[in-house]
Each structure stands twice: as structure tokens, then as C-alpha cells.
């Protein structure tokens, strides 16, 4: 049991760092670690429980991160309100669908996402700092369409995979809506505060045993993730964007690859001795 507390604390710390540095949801780091290294999350609905705990950790972690970025004037909802509305609307639907999906699908997707996001940050660690969008500029038809489409799909993914949509919102804000990286992180973590709350409550309502069986893991995760989110968000607003990107990429890629190896260690041993 003590060993699992250590793993949960480590997972929550990595989740907080990812949230504060790049607006990543807690599930990106937490779910792979929990389902691979903790027997508690290896049962029939282990990935679902791990996802619920990760989402709960995202609530305060995203809130304090958004607060730090807002303090540095890196929050813009005047052009992100459509995305916010759509994402929030689809969270519960995704949570319900997740409960009826095989857990191998959820766990496998989390590992893939962790590796893919790590590679993305190493290939493209930073983005050009752009001026804040003016509040007087109206959304174009293209921006409205992009916000509607990705808002609905990200919202469903938030509830289904427990990703919080952080990475996907970051891509949409920077590549399609013209936000600089820091403003994209600040805005996406603000949205994640609400989506994580809705999705975590939905998960717990579907499986109330999460509260009674894993309350200790839940409290540890929330406290540790929130602390590290605050520290890393303050760090991200003081250093070069590329340094943040490289650090995030290395952490996620190493984590994802190591979890894939650990999860398939028996198959690897069998192949070596064959």
C-alpha cells in the first residue's frame, strides 16, 4: 500500500507539472502510471477509476494554473467562449460512454497520447509570442466553425478518455485561432477547470465506489497535483517558451515509453528467451 501511495504521489506531481507548463490534463501523466504500476487500478474498471481521480486532480490544478496565467494577462475568453460552451456541454456524454467501453481501450489510448504529445513538444517546443487578440475583433465564420467542431469533439474526448482536452485545446488555440502559447495555456486551463469538474463528478456518480474505495488516493492526488501546478505555472511564465516545451516533451516521452515497456515486460522477456 505504501508503494502505491508513492506512485500516486509521483503521478500527481508529473500531472501538475504538465498542467502548469503546457496546459496538459492530469490524465496524460497519471492514468498510464496508475494502470501500469498500481494493482488497485488493474481491475475491471481500473482505468475508469484512474481517469476519475486524474480528472478530480485537474480541477484545482487547472484553476491555480489559470489564475497564474491570468495574473500575467495570458487569458482570453472573448474569442474562446464558443469553445468553452461546446466543450463543457459534451463532457457528461463522454463520461457515460467511457463506462461502457473496454478498459484496454482507455488505457492504451492514454499511453499513446502520452508518447505522441512528448514527441510533439520535442519536435516543436515553442511557438512565437503574438500580441493578445483585441476584444473588438469579432470571430470570423472560419473561427466559429473551428470552435464548434473542435469544441464538441474535445468535450466528448474529455469525458470519454479523461484527457481534459488540454493538449487538443492548446493545438486549436495556437494553430487555428492564432493565440500565443502562454495565452493558449491560460485559456485552456481555465476551460479545463470546468470540464474536469463536470467529468469527474459524472465519473463518480456513475461509479460511487471510487469515493469510498480510493478516497486516500483521491486526496493525495488533488493536493500534490495542485501544488506542482502552481509551482510549474509560475516557472513557465518566467522562462523561455522553448525551454518549457523541451522539458515537457522529455518528461512525457520518457514516461510514455517506460510505461509501455513495463506494461509489456512479460512479452519482452518471452521474446528474448525464445
C-alpha atoms as a PDB file:
ATOM      1  CA  UNK A   1       0.000   0.000   0.000  1.00  0.00           C
ATOM      2  CA  UNK A   2       2.848   2.388   0.847  1.00  0.00           C
ATOM      3  CA  UNK A   3       4.371   1.671  -2.559  1.00  0.00           C
ATOM      4  CA  UNK A   4       1.136   2.684  -4.266  1.00  0.00           C
ATOM      5  CA  UNK A   5       0.999   5.944  -2.306  1.00  0.00           C
ATOM      6  CA  UNK A   6       4.452   6.766  -3.686  1.00  0.00           C
ATOM      7  CA  UNK A   7       3.359   6.012  -7.266  1.00  0.00           C
ATOM      8  CA  UNK A   8       0.182   8.069  -6.882  1.00  0.00           C
ATOM      9  CA  UNK A   9       2.189  10.995  -5.490  1.00  0.00           C
ATOM     10  CA  UNK A  10       4.707  10.783  -8.337  1.00  0.00           C
ATOM     11  CA  UNK A  11       1.933  10.570 -10.926  1.00  0.00           C
ATOM     12  CA  UNK A  12       0.153  13.572  -9.437  1.00  0.00           C
ATOM     13  CA  UNK A  13       3.390  15.578  -9.349  1.00  0.00           C
ATOM     14  CA  UNK A  14       4.058  14.863 -13.038  1.00  0.00           C
ATOM     15  CA  UNK A  15       0.444  15.736 -13.812  1.00  0.00           C
ATOM     16  CA  UNK A  16       0.771  19.068 -12.025  1.00  0.00           C
ATOM     17  CA  UNK A  17       3.986  19.878 -13.866  1.00  0.00           C
ATOM     18  CA  UNK A  18       2.350  19.103 -17.216  1.00  0.00           C
ATOM     19  CA  UNK A  19      -0.648  21.267 -16.384  1.00  0.00           C
ATOM     20  CA  UNK A  20       1.390  24.256 -15.241  1.00  0.00           C
ATOM     21  CA  UNK A  21       3.955  24.108 -18.047  1.00  0.00           C
ATOM     22  CA  UNK A  22       1.800  23.310 -21.057  1.00  0.00           C
ATOM     23  CA  UNK A  23      -1.839  23.083 -20.012  1.00  0.00           C
ATOM     24  CA  UNK A  24      -1.885  19.282 -20.229  1.00  0.00           C
ATOM     25  CA  UNK A  25      -4.628  17.416 -18.421  1.00  0.00           C
ATOM     26  CA  UNK A  26      -3.664  15.326 -15.416  1.00  0.00           C
ATOM     27  CA  UNK A  27      -4.747  12.124 -17.158  1.00  0.00           C
ATOM     28  CA  UNK A  28      -1.902  12.431 -19.676  1.00  0.00           C
ATOM     29  CA  UNK A  29       0.631  11.526 -16.997  1.00  0.00           C
ATOM     30  CA  UNK A  30      -1.471   9.980 -14.230  1.00  0.00           C
ATOM     31  CA  UNK A  31      -3.545   7.338 -15.980  1.00  0.00           C
ATOM     32  CA  UNK A  32      -0.615   5.451 -17.621  1.00  0.00           C
ATOM     33  CA  UNK A  33       1.322   5.338 -14.345  1.00  0.00           C
ATOM     34  CA  UNK A  34      -1.633   4.251 -12.234  1.00  0.00           C
ATOM     35  CA  UNK A  35      -2.917   1.491 -14.510  1.00  0.00           C
ATOM     36  CA  UNK A  36       0.539   0.020 -15.145  1.00  0.00           C
ATOM     37  CA  UNK A  37       2.166   0.277 -11.707  1.00  0.00           C
ATOM     38  CA  UNK A  38      -0.708   0.178  -9.198  1.00  0.00           C
ATOM     39  CA  UNK A  39      -2.633  -3.107  -8.767  1.00  0.00           C
ATOM     40  CA  UNK A  40      -5.558  -1.118  -7.347  1.00  0.00           C
ATOM     41  CA  UNK A  41      -6.216   0.260 -10.836  1.00  0.00           C
ATOM     42  CA  UNK A  42      -5.810  -3.000 -12.677  1.00  0.00           C
ATOM     43  CA  UNK A  43      -9.317  -4.421 -12.162  1.00  0.00           C
ATOM     44  CA  UNK A  44     -12.358  -4.460 -14.392  1.00  0.00           C
ATOM     45  CA  UNK A  45     -12.891  -0.716 -14.142  1.00  0.00           C
ATOM     46  CA  UNK A  46      -9.373   0.258 -13.092  1.00  0.00           C
ATOM     47  CA  UNK A  47      -8.754   2.688 -15.949  1.00  0.00           C
ATOM     48  CA  UNK A  48     -12.148   4.297 -15.324  1.00  0.00           C
ATOM     49  CA  UNK A  49     -11.255   4.834 -11.654  1.00  0.00           C
ATOM     50  CA  UNK A  50      -7.793   6.178 -12.521  1.00  0.00           C
ATOM     51  CA  UNK A  51      -9.394   8.566 -15.001  1.00  0.00           C
ATOM     52  CA  UNK A  52     -11.851   9.815 -12.378  1.00  0.00           C
ATOM     53  CA  UNK A  53      -9.037  10.519  -9.915  1.00  0.00           C
ATOM     54  CA  UNK A  54      -6.995  12.284 -12.613  1.00  0.00           C
ATOM     55  CA  UNK A  55      -9.975  14.453 -13.533  1.00  0.00           C
ATOM     56  CA  UNK A  56     -10.535  15.384  -9.886  1.00  0.00           C
ATOM     57  CA  UNK A  57      -6.862  16.347  -9.629  1.00  0.00           C
ATOM     58  CA  UNK A  58      -7.315  18.570 -12.677  1.00  0.00           C
ATOM     59  CA  UNK A  59      -9.926  20.792 -11.026  1.00  0.00           C
ATOM     60  CA  UNK A  60      -7.774  22.750  -8.577  1.00  0.00           C
ATOM     61  CA  UNK A  61      -4.612  22.190 -10.610  1.00  0.00           C
ATOM     62  CA  UNK A  62      -6.159  23.843 -13.663  1.00  0.00           C
ATOM     63  CA  UNK A  63      -7.740  26.575 -11.547  1.00  0.00           C
ATOM     64  CA  UNK A  64      -4.473  27.688  -9.932  1.00  0.00           C
ATOM     65  CA  UNK A  65      -2.678  27.441 -13.284  1.00  0.00           C
ATOM     66  CA  UNK A  66      -5.296  29.606 -14.986  1.00  0.00           C
ATOM     67  CA  UNK A  67      -5.009  32.061 -12.105  1.00  0.00           C
ATOM     68  CA  UNK A  68      -1.247  32.433 -12.569  1.00  0.00           C
ATOM     69  CA  UNK A  69      -1.588  32.930 -16.334  1.00  0.00           C
ATOM     70  CA  UNK A  70      -4.460  35.386 -15.827  1.00  0.00           C
ATOM     71  CA  UNK A  71      -2.292  37.364 -13.411  1.00  0.00           C
ATOM     72  CA  UNK A  72       0.262  37.612 -16.229  1.00  0.00           C
ATOM     73  CA  UNK A  73      -2.509  38.735 -18.622  1.00  0.00           C
ATOM     74  CA  UNK A  74      -2.481  35.481 -20.575  1.00  0.00           C
ATOM     75  CA  UNK A  75      -6.175  34.622 -20.537  1.00  0.00           C
ATOM     76  CA  UNK A  76      -8.585  35.421 -23.401  1.00  0.00           C
ATOM     77  CA  UNK A  77     -12.186  34.186 -23.319  1.00  0.00           C
ATOM     78  CA  UNK A  78     -13.557  36.876 -25.617  1.00  0.00           C
ATOM     79  CA  UNK A  79     -12.534  34.682 -28.531  1.00  0.00           C
ATOM     80  CA  UNK A  80     -12.764  31.336 -26.733  1.00  0.00           C
ATOM     81  CA  UNK A  81     -16.283  31.362 -25.310  1.00  0.00           C
ATOM     82  CA  UNK A  82     -17.739  29.178 -28.086  1.00  0.00           C
ATOM     83  CA  UNK A  83     -15.103  26.508 -27.493  1.00  0.00           C
ATOM     84  CA  UNK A  84     -15.756  26.739 -23.740  1.00  0.00           C
ATOM     85  CA  UNK A  85     -19.515  26.252 -24.198  1.00  0.00           C
ATOM     86  CA  UNK A  86     -19.189  23.279 -26.550  1.00  0.00           C
ATOM     87  CA  UNK A  87     -16.513  21.517 -24.513  1.00  0.00           C
ATOM     88  CA  UNK A  88     -18.497  21.796 -21.285  1.00  0.00           C
ATOM     89  CA  UNK A  89     -21.706  20.597 -22.986  1.00  0.00           C
ATOM     90  CA  UNK A  90     -20.206  17.292 -24.183  1.00  0.00           C
ATOM     91  CA  UNK A  91     -18.339  16.194 -21.036  1.00  0.00           C
ATOM     92  CA  UNK A  92     -21.119  14.170 -19.427  1.00  0.00           C
ATOM     93  CA  UNK A  93     -21.929  12.330 -22.655  1.00  0.00           C
ATOM     94  CA  UNK A  94     -18.320  11.209 -22.966  1.00  0.00           C
ATOM     95  CA  UNK A  95     -18.178  10.086 -19.333  1.00  0.00           C
ATOM     96  CA  UNK A  96     -21.216   7.835 -19.760  1.00  0.00           C
ATOM     97  CA  UNK A  97     -19.787   6.312 -22.943  1.00  0.00           C
ATOM     98  CA  UNK A  98     -16.462   5.641 -21.208  1.00  0.00           C
ATOM     99  CA  UNK A  99     -18.055   3.426 -18.563  1.00  0.00           C
ATOM    100  CA  UNK A 100     -19.330   1.026 -21.224  1.00  0.00           C
ATOM    101  CA  UNK A 101     -16.034   0.851 -23.106  1.00  0.00           C
ATOM    102  CA  UNK A 102     -13.421  -1.861 -22.586  1.00  0.00           C
ATOM    103  CA  UNK A 103     -10.703  -0.635 -20.207  1.00  0.00           C
ATOM    104  CA  UNK A 104      -7.886  -1.747 -22.543  1.00  0.00           C
ATOM    105  CA  UNK A 105      -9.065   0.892 -24.995  1.00  0.00           C
ATOM    106  CA  UNK A 106      -8.897   3.667 -22.389  1.00  0.00           C
ATOM    107  CA  UNK A 107      -5.516   2.618 -21.010  1.00  0.00           C
ATOM    108  CA  UNK A 108      -3.977   2.081 -24.447  1.00  0.00           C
ATOM    109  CA  UNK A 109      -5.117   5.472 -25.673  1.00  0.00           C
ATOM    110  CA  UNK A 110      -3.622   7.189 -22.635  1.00  0.00           C
ATOM    111  CA  UNK A 111      -0.220   5.597 -23.264  1.00  0.00           C
ATOM    112  CA  UNK A 112      -0.340   6.532 -26.956  1.00  0.00           C
ATOM    113  CA  UNK A 113      -1.348  10.113 -26.153  1.00  0.00           C
ATOM    114  CA  UNK A 114       1.480  10.474 -23.643  1.00  0.00           C
ATOM    115  CA  UNK A 115       4.127   9.396 -26.191  1.00  0.00           C
ATOM    116  CA  UNK A 116       2.603  11.392 -29.060  1.00  0.00           C
ATOM    117  CA  UNK A 117       2.432  14.631 -27.067  1.00  0.00           C
ATOM    118  CA  UNK A 118       6.008  14.146 -25.832  1.00  0.00           C
ATOM    119  CA  UNK A 119       7.280  13.792 -29.421  1.00  0.00           C
ATOM    120  CA  UNK A 120       5.256  16.836 -30.498  1.00  0.00           C
ATOM    121  CA  UNK A 121       6.896  19.062 -27.871  1.00  0.00           C
ATOM    122  CA  UNK A 122      10.408  17.842 -28.753  1.00  0.00           C
ATOM    123  CA  UNK A 123       9.818  18.489 -32.465  1.00  0.00           C
ATOM    124  CA  UNK A 124       8.145  21.853 -31.898  1.00  0.00           C
ATOM    125  CA  UNK A 125       8.994  23.006 -28.358  1.00  0.00           C
ATOM    126  CA  UNK A 126       7.744  26.569 -28.592  1.00  0.00           C
ATOM    127  CA  UNK A 127       5.550  28.959 -30.511  1.00  0.00           C
ATOM    128  CA  UNK A 128       6.012  32.548 -31.499  1.00  0.00           C
ATOM    129  CA  UNK A 129       4.785  35.035 -28.962  1.00  0.00           C
ATOM    130  CA  UNK A 130       1.978  37.013 -30.552  1.00  0.00           C
ATOM    131  CA  UNK A 131       0.098  40.057 -29.261  1.00  0.00           C
ATOM    132  CA  UNK A 132      -3.155  39.442 -27.429  1.00  0.00           C
ATOM    133  CA  UNK A 133      -6.228  39.443 -29.632  1.00  0.00           C
ATOM    134  CA  UNK A 134      -8.218  42.631 -29.423  1.00  0.00           C
ATOM    135  CA  UNK A 135     -11.609  42.291 -27.789  1.00  0.00           C
ATOM    136  CA  UNK A 136     -13.160  44.423 -30.535  1.00  0.00           C
ATOM    137  CA  UNK A 137     -12.318  41.890 -33.249  1.00  0.00           C
ATOM    138  CA  UNK A 138     -15.249  39.596 -33.995  1.00  0.00           C
ATOM    139  CA  UNK A 139     -14.873  35.892 -34.661  1.00  0.00           C
ATOM    140  CA  UNK A 140     -14.801  35.035 -38.349  1.00  0.00           C
ATOM    141  CA  UNK A 141     -17.009  32.327 -39.851  1.00  0.00           C
ATOM    142  CA  UNK A 142     -13.978  30.013 -40.018  1.00  0.00           C
ATOM    143  CA  UNK A 143     -13.128  30.606 -36.356  1.00  0.00           C
ATOM    144  CA  UNK A 144     -16.722  29.929 -35.340  1.00  0.00           C
ATOM    145  CA  UNK A 145     -16.766  26.675 -37.347  1.00  0.00           C
ATOM    146  CA  UNK A 146     -13.426  25.589 -35.865  1.00  0.00           C
ATOM    147  CA  UNK A 147     -14.618  26.387 -32.339  1.00  0.00           C
ATOM    148  CA  UNK A 148     -17.877  24.468 -32.799  1.00  0.00           C
ATOM    149  CA  UNK A 149     -16.320  21.366 -34.358  1.00  0.00           C
ATOM    150  CA  UNK A 150     -13.364  21.014 -32.014  1.00  0.00           C
ATOM    151  CA  UNK A 151     -15.344  22.159 -29.005  1.00  0.00           C
ATOM    152  CA  UNK A 152     -17.819  19.298 -29.432  1.00  0.00           C
ATOM    153  CA  UNK A 153     -15.180  16.649 -30.177  1.00  0.00           C
ATOM    154  CA  UNK A 154     -12.804  17.776 -27.416  1.00  0.00           C
ATOM    155  CA  UNK A 155     -15.694  17.885 -24.951  1.00  0.00           C
ATOM    156  CA  UNK A 156     -16.631  14.291 -25.723  1.00  0.00           C
ATOM    157  CA  UNK A 157     -12.992  13.226 -25.503  1.00  0.00           C
ATOM    158  CA  UNK A 158     -12.658  14.927 -22.119  1.00  0.00           C
ATOM    159  CA  UNK A 159     -15.391  12.784 -20.633  1.00  0.00           C
ATOM    160  CA  UNK A 160     -14.520   9.610 -22.552  1.00  0.00           C
ATOM    161  CA  UNK A 161     -10.728   9.472 -22.198  1.00  0.00           C
ATOM    162  CA  UNK A 162     -10.379  11.805 -19.217  1.00  0.00           C
ATOM    163  CA  UNK A 163      -7.810  13.869 -21.093  1.00  0.00           C
ATOM    164  CA  UNK A 164      -9.274  17.217 -20.017  1.00  0.00           C
ATOM    165  CA  UNK A 165      -8.722  18.296 -23.615  1.00  0.00           C
ATOM    166  CA  UNK A 166      -5.700  20.365 -22.616  1.00  0.00           C
ATOM    167  CA  UNK A 167      -3.369  19.343 -25.434  1.00  0.00           C
ATOM    168  CA  UNK A 168      -6.083  19.417 -28.072  1.00  0.00           C
ATOM    169  CA  UNK A 169      -7.299  22.835 -26.972  1.00  0.00           C
ATOM    170  CA  UNK A 170      -3.704  24.070 -26.991  1.00  0.00           C
ATOM    171  CA  UNK A 171      -3.352  22.989 -30.637  1.00  0.00           C
ATOM    172  CA  UNK A 172      -6.682  24.569 -31.628  1.00  0.00           C
ATOM    173  CA  UNK A 173      -5.934  27.856 -29.874  1.00  0.00           C
ATOM    174  CA  UNK A 174      -2.405  28.205 -31.279  1.00  0.00           C
ATOM    175  CA  UNK A 175      -2.682  26.656 -34.758  1.00  0.00           C
ATOM    176  CA  UNK A 176      -6.229  27.631 -35.678  1.00  0.00           C
ATOM    177  CA  UNK A 177      -7.294  30.610 -33.561  1.00  0.00           C
ATOM    178  CA  UNK A 178      -3.987  32.471 -33.503  1.00  0.00           C
ATOM    179  CA  UNK A 179      -3.241  32.511 -29.764  1.00  0.00           C
ATOM    180  CA  UNK A 180       0.340  32.648 -28.486  1.00  0.00           C
ATOM    181  CA  UNK A 181       1.375  29.620 -26.406  1.00  0.00           C
ATOM    182  CA  UNK A 182       1.072  31.247 -22.988  1.00  0.00           C
ATOM    183  CA  UNK A 183      -2.381  32.701 -23.717  1.00  0.00           C
ATOM    184  CA  UNK A 184      -3.462  29.327 -25.117  1.00  0.00           C
ATOM    185  CA  UNK A 185      -2.321  27.573 -21.931  1.00  0.00           C
ATOM    186  CA  UNK A 186      -4.019  30.117 -19.689  1.00  0.00           C
ATOM    187  CA  UNK A 187      -7.291  29.943 -21.605  1.00  0.00           C
ATOM    188  CA  UNK A 188      -7.322  26.156 -21.972  1.00  0.00           C
ATOM    189  CA  UNK A 189      -6.624  25.564 -18.266  1.00  0.00           C
ATOM    190  CA  UNK A 190      -9.457  27.939 -17.375  1.00  0.00           C
ATOM    191  CA  UNK A 191     -11.789  25.810 -19.518  1.00  0.00           C
ATOM    192  CA  UNK A 192     -10.310  22.612 -18.072  1.00  0.00           C
ATOM    193  CA  UNK A 193     -11.289  23.716 -14.579  1.00  0.00           C
ATOM    194  CA  UNK A 194     -14.948  23.360 -15.514  1.00  0.00           C
ATOM    195  CA  UNK A 195     -14.646  20.339 -17.798  1.00  0.00           C
ATOM    196  CA  UNK A 196     -12.624  18.426 -15.213  1.00  0.00           C
ATOM    197  CA  UNK A 197     -15.227  19.245 -12.557  1.00  0.00           C
ATOM    198  CA  UNK A 198     -18.120  18.064 -14.727  1.00  0.00           C
ATOM    199  CA  UNK A 199     -16.351  14.949 -15.985  1.00  0.00           C
ATOM    200  CA  UNK A 200     -15.047  13.904 -12.554  1.00  0.00           C
ATOM    201  CA  UNK A 201     -18.479  14.312 -10.962  1.00  0.00           C
ATOM    202  CA  UNK A 202     -20.006  12.302 -13.814  1.00  0.00           C
ATOM    203  CA  UNK A 203     -17.461   9.518 -13.333  1.00  0.00           C
ATOM    204  CA  UNK A 204     -18.062   9.405  -9.580  1.00  0.00           C
ATOM    205  CA  UNK A 205     -21.856   9.445  -9.990  1.00  0.00           C
ATOM    206  CA  UNK A 206     -21.580   6.503 -12.385  1.00  0.00           C
ATOM    207  CA  UNK A 207     -19.232   4.629 -10.014  1.00  0.00           C
ATOM    208  CA  UNK A 208     -19.699   5.992  -6.439  1.00  0.00           C
ATOM    209  CA  UNK A 209     -17.375   3.309  -5.050  1.00  0.00           C
ATOM    210  CA  UNK A 210     -14.471   5.468  -6.244  1.00  0.00           C
ATOM    211  CA  UNK A 211     -15.041   7.799  -3.284  1.00  0.00           C
ATOM    212  CA  UNK A 212     -15.215   5.043  -0.676  1.00  0.00           C
ATOM    213  CA  UNK A 213     -12.518   2.714  -2.033  1.00  0.00           C
ATOM    214  CA  UNK A 214      -9.953   5.270  -3.207  1.00  0.00           C
ATOM    215  CA  UNK A 215     -10.568   8.372  -1.079  1.00  0.00           C
ATOM    216  CA  UNK A 216      -6.958   8.397   0.143  1.00  0.00           C
ATOM    217  CA  UNK A 217      -5.549   8.261  -3.401  1.00  0.00           C
ATOM    218  CA  UNK A 218      -8.015  10.977  -4.402  1.00  0.00           C
ATOM    219  CA  UNK A 219      -6.935  13.395  -1.654  1.00  0.00           C
ATOM    220  CA  UNK A 220      -3.223  12.784  -2.245  1.00  0.00           C
ATOM    221  CA  UNK A 221      -3.617  13.345  -5.979  1.00  0.00           C
ATOM    222  CA  UNK A 222      -5.549  16.584  -5.586  1.00  0.00           C
ATOM    223  CA  UNK A 223      -3.097  18.063  -3.065  1.00  0.00           C
ATOM    224  CA  UNK A 224       0.091  17.102  -4.925  1.00  0.00           C
ATOM    225  CA  UNK A 225      -1.182  17.989  -8.414  1.00  0.00           C
ATOM    226  CA  UNK A 226      -2.397  21.401  -7.237  1.00  0.00           C
ATOM    227  CA  UNK A 227       0.920  22.233  -5.558  1.00  0.00           C
ATOM    228  CA  UNK A 228       3.034  21.270  -8.574  1.00  0.00           C
ATOM    229  CA  UNK A 229       0.634  23.008 -10.983  1.00  0.00           C
ATOM    230  CA  UNK A 230       1.117  26.263  -9.089  1.00  0.00           C
ATOM    231  CA  UNK A 231       4.914  25.965  -8.983  1.00  0.00           C
ATOM    232  CA  UNK A 232       5.294  24.978 -12.645  1.00  0.00           C
ATOM    233  CA  UNK A 233       2.852  27.668 -13.866  1.00  0.00           C
ATOM    234  CA  UNK A 234       4.895  30.337 -12.105  1.00  0.00           C
ATOM    235  CA  UNK A 235       8.058  28.874 -13.652  1.00  0.00           C
ATOM    236  CA  UNK A 236       6.525  28.760 -17.166  1.00  0.00           C
ATOM    237  CA  UNK A 237       5.676  32.460 -17.040  1.00  0.00           C
ATOM    238  CA  UNK A 238       9.266  33.419 -16.241  1.00  0.00           C
ATOM    239  CA  UNK A 239      11.360  31.347 -18.675  1.00  0.00           C
ATOM    240  CA  UNK A 240      11.787  30.935 -22.426  1.00  0.00           C
ATOM    241  CA  UNK A 241       8.945  29.080 -24.150  1.00  0.00           C
ATOM    242  CA  UNK A 242      11.262  26.614 -25.922  1.00  0.00           C
ATOM    243  CA  UNK A 243      12.800  25.539 -22.633  1.00  0.00           C
ATOM    244  CA  UNK A 244       9.314  24.763 -21.332  1.00  0.00           C
ATOM    245  CA  UNK A 245       8.498  22.800 -24.494  1.00  0.00           C
ATOM    246  CA  UNK A 246      11.651  20.692 -24.356  1.00  0.00           C
ATOM    247  CA  UNK A 247      11.192  19.939 -20.657  1.00  0.00           C
ATOM    248  CA  UNK A 248       7.573  18.882 -21.204  1.00  0.00           C
ATOM    249  CA  UNK A 249       8.466  16.742 -24.208  1.00  0.00           C
ATOM    250  CA  UNK A 250      11.282  14.882 -22.462  1.00  0.00           C
ATOM    251  CA  UNK A 251       9.150  14.133 -19.383  1.00  0.00           C
ATOM    252  CA  UNK A 252       6.139  12.857 -21.350  1.00  0.00           C
ATOM    253  CA  UNK A 253       8.117  10.838 -23.891  1.00  0.00           C
ATOM    254  CA  UNK A 254      10.204   9.154 -21.190  1.00  0.00           C
ATOM    255  CA  UNK A 255       7.100   8.448 -19.124  1.00  0.00           C
ATOM    256  CA  UNK A 256       5.089   7.030 -22.012  1.00  0.00           C
ATOM    257  CA  UNK A 257       7.862   4.791 -23.334  1.00  0.00           C
ATOM    258  CA  UNK A 258       8.764   3.489 -19.884  1.00  0.00           C
ATOM    259  CA  UNK A 259       5.129   2.623 -19.154  1.00  0.00           C
ATOM    260  CA  UNK A 260       4.796   0.791 -22.475  1.00  0.00           C
ATOM    261  CA  UNK A 261       7.926  -1.242 -21.674  1.00  0.00           C
ATOM    262  CA  UNK A 262       6.793  -2.017 -18.112  1.00  0.00           C
ATOM    263  CA  UNK A 263       3.298  -2.937 -19.295  1.00  0.00           C
ATOM    264  CA  UNK A 264       4.726  -5.416 -21.825  1.00  0.00           C
ATOM    265  CA  UNK A 265       7.679  -6.674 -19.802  1.00  0.00           C
ATOM    266  CA  UNK A 266       6.451 -10.282 -19.808  1.00  0.00           C
ATOM    267  CA  UNK A 267       6.155 -10.313 -23.606  1.00  0.00           C
ATOM    268  CA  UNK A 268       9.600  -8.751 -23.952  1.00  0.00           C
ATOM    269  CA  UNK A 269      11.154 -11.359 -21.659  1.00  0.00           C
ATOM    270  CA  UNK A 270       9.471 -14.142 -23.567  1.00  0.00           C
ATOM    271  CA  UNK A 271      10.798 -12.799 -26.850  1.00  0.00           C
ATOM    272  CA  UNK A 272      14.333 -12.517 -25.508  1.00  0.00           C
ATOM    273  CA  UNK A 273      14.418 -16.052 -24.098  1.00  0.00           C
ATOM    274  CA  UNK A 274      12.734 -17.614 -27.133  1.00  0.00           C
END
